[in-house]
C-alpha atoms as a PDB file:
ATOM      1  CA  MET A   1      85.025  93.022  85.772  1.00  0.00           C
ATOM      2  CA  ILE A   2      86.265  95.843  87.959  1.00  0.00           C
ATOM      3  CA  ALA A   3      89.281  97.843  86.771  1.00  0.00           C
ATOM      4  CA  THR A   4      91.011 101.164  87.350  1.00  0.00           C
ATOM      5  CA  SER A   5      91.362 103.565  84.442  1.00  0.00           C
ATOM      6  CA  PRO A   6      95.049 104.249  83.740  1.00  0.00           C
ATOM      7  CA  LEU A   7      94.086 107.720  82.507  1.00  0.00           C
ATOM      8  CA  THR A   8      91.821 108.985  85.300  1.00  0.00           C
ATOM      9  CA  GLY A   9      92.381 106.651  88.252  1.00  0.00           C
ATOM     10  CA  ARG A  10      88.615 106.091  88.469  1.00  0.00           C
ATOM     11  CA  ILE A  11      87.356 102.551  89.166  1.00  0.00           C
ATOM     12  CA  PHE A  12      84.868 101.079  86.682  1.00  0.00           C
ATOM     13  CA  SER A  13      82.678  97.980  86.610  1.00  0.00           C
ATOM     14  CA  GLY A  14      81.278  96.425  83.459  1.00  0.00           C
ATOM     15  CA  ARG A  15      81.475  93.698  80.839  1.00  0.00           C
ATOM     16  CA  VAL A  16      84.780  93.127  79.051  1.00  0.00           C
ATOM     17  CA  ASN A  17      85.773  91.695  75.693  1.00  0.00           C
ATOM     18  CA  LYS A  18      86.909  88.094  75.258  1.00  0.00           C
ATOM     19  CA  ASP A  19      90.585  89.069  75.680  1.00  0.00           C
ATOM     20  CA  ARG A  20      89.737  91.011  78.875  1.00  0.00           C
ATOM     21  CA  THR A  21      91.521  94.051  77.458  1.00  0.00           C
ATOM     22  CA  ALA A  22      88.647  96.531  77.141  1.00  0.00           C
ATOM     23  CA  PHE A  23      85.175  97.259  78.441  1.00  0.00           C
ATOM     24  CA  ILE A  24      82.315  96.641  76.038  1.00  0.00           C
ATOM     25  CA  GLY A  25      78.916  98.231  76.284  1.00  0.00           C
ATOM     26  CA  LYS A  26      78.029 100.281  79.321  1.00  0.00           C
ATOM     27  CA  LYS A  27      80.493 100.647  82.176  1.00  0.00           C
ATOM     28  CA  GLN A  28      79.749 102.203  85.553  1.00  0.00           C
ATOM     29  CA  ASP A  29      81.992 104.379  87.731  1.00  0.00           C
ATOM     30  CA  VAL A  30      82.091 102.606  91.121  1.00  0.00           C
ATOM     31  CA  THR A  31      85.020 104.523  92.624  1.00  0.00           C
ATOM     32  CA  SER A  32      83.110 105.925  95.602  1.00  0.00           C
ATOM     33  CA  GLU A  33      81.489 102.584  96.413  1.00  0.00           C
ATOM     34  CA  VAL A  34      84.801 100.683  96.254  1.00  0.00           C
ATOM     35  CA  LEU A  35      86.627 103.204  98.430  1.00  0.00           C
ATOM     36  CA  LYS A  36      83.781 103.220 100.969  1.00  0.00           C
ATOM     37  CA  ALA A  37      83.956  99.411 101.136  1.00  0.00           C
ATOM     38  CA  ILE A  38      87.732  99.526 101.655  1.00  0.00           C
ATOM     39  CA  ILE A  39      87.314 102.016 104.512  1.00  0.00           C
ATOM     40  CA  GLU A  40      84.627  99.833 106.096  1.00  0.00           C
ATOM     41  CA  LYS A  41      86.811  96.715 105.771  1.00  0.00           C
ATOM     42  CA  ALA A  42      89.785  98.490 107.350  1.00  0.00           C
ATOM     43  CA  GLU A  43      87.595  99.782 110.190  1.00  0.00           C
ATOM     44  CA  PHE A  44      86.382  96.198 110.779  1.00  0.00           C
ATOM     45  CA  HIS A  45      90.049  95.157 111.120  1.00  0.00           C
ATOM     46  CA  ASN A  46      90.978  98.070 113.430  1.00  0.00           C
ATOM     47  CA  GLY A  47      92.415 100.220 110.649  1.00  0.00           C
ATOM     48  CA  THR A  48      94.756  97.770 108.866  1.00  0.00           C
ATOM     49  CA  PHE A  49      94.471  94.622 106.746  1.00  0.00           C
ATOM     50  CA  GLU A  50      96.571  92.734 104.216  1.00  0.00           C
ATOM     51  CA  ILE A  51      95.854  91.675 100.652  1.00  0.00           C
ATOM     52  CA  GLN A  52      97.824  88.845  99.104  1.00  0.00           C
ATOM     53  CA  GLY A  53      97.864  87.950  95.432  1.00  0.00           C
ATOM     54  CA  GLY A  54     100.290  85.348  94.162  1.00  0.00           C
ATOM     55  CA  ASP A  55     103.756  86.245  95.396  1.00  0.00           C
ATOM     56  CA  ARG A  56     102.827  89.871  96.204  1.00  0.00           C
ATOM     57  CA  LYS A  57     101.363  91.273  99.405  1.00  0.00           C
ATOM     58  CA  TRP A  58     100.019  94.718 100.304  1.00  0.00           C
ATOM     59  CA  THR A  59      99.180  96.281 103.641  1.00  0.00           C
ATOM     60  CA  VAL A  60      96.162  98.601 103.560  1.00  0.00           C
ATOM     61  CA  SER A  61      95.979 101.064 106.417  1.00  0.00           C
ATOM     62  CA  ILE A  62      93.556 103.915 107.026  1.00  0.00           C
ATOM     63  CA  GLU A  63      93.504 106.782 109.449  1.00  0.00           C
ATOM     64  CA  GLN A  64      90.648 109.226 109.810  1.00  0.00           C
ATOM     65  CA  ALA A  65      91.764 112.756 108.966  1.00  0.00           C
ATOM     66  CA  LEU A  66      91.167 115.575 111.409  1.00  0.00           C
ATOM     67  CA  LYS A  67      88.849 118.332 110.261  1.00  0.00           C
ATOM     68  CA  GLU A  68      90.581 121.552 109.257  1.00  0.00           C
ATOM     69  CA  GLY A  69      90.857 124.022 112.098  1.00  0.00           C
ATOM     70  CA  THR A  70      90.980 121.405 114.852  1.00  0.00           C
END
């Protein structure tokens, strides 16, 4: 399972209990990898893509930041 910590905002991957309410055993912080994959997906789709789940829909859009001093 992959989930976001409500306390830290970090994204973790690992095994969960039967009720899917908590990680059990070792969990791994995959925040950087997930965010990199989202950036790569958005770049593949020219900067914007949509995610739909049930009756909800999100638009994900990225824009590369300018370096400071430019």
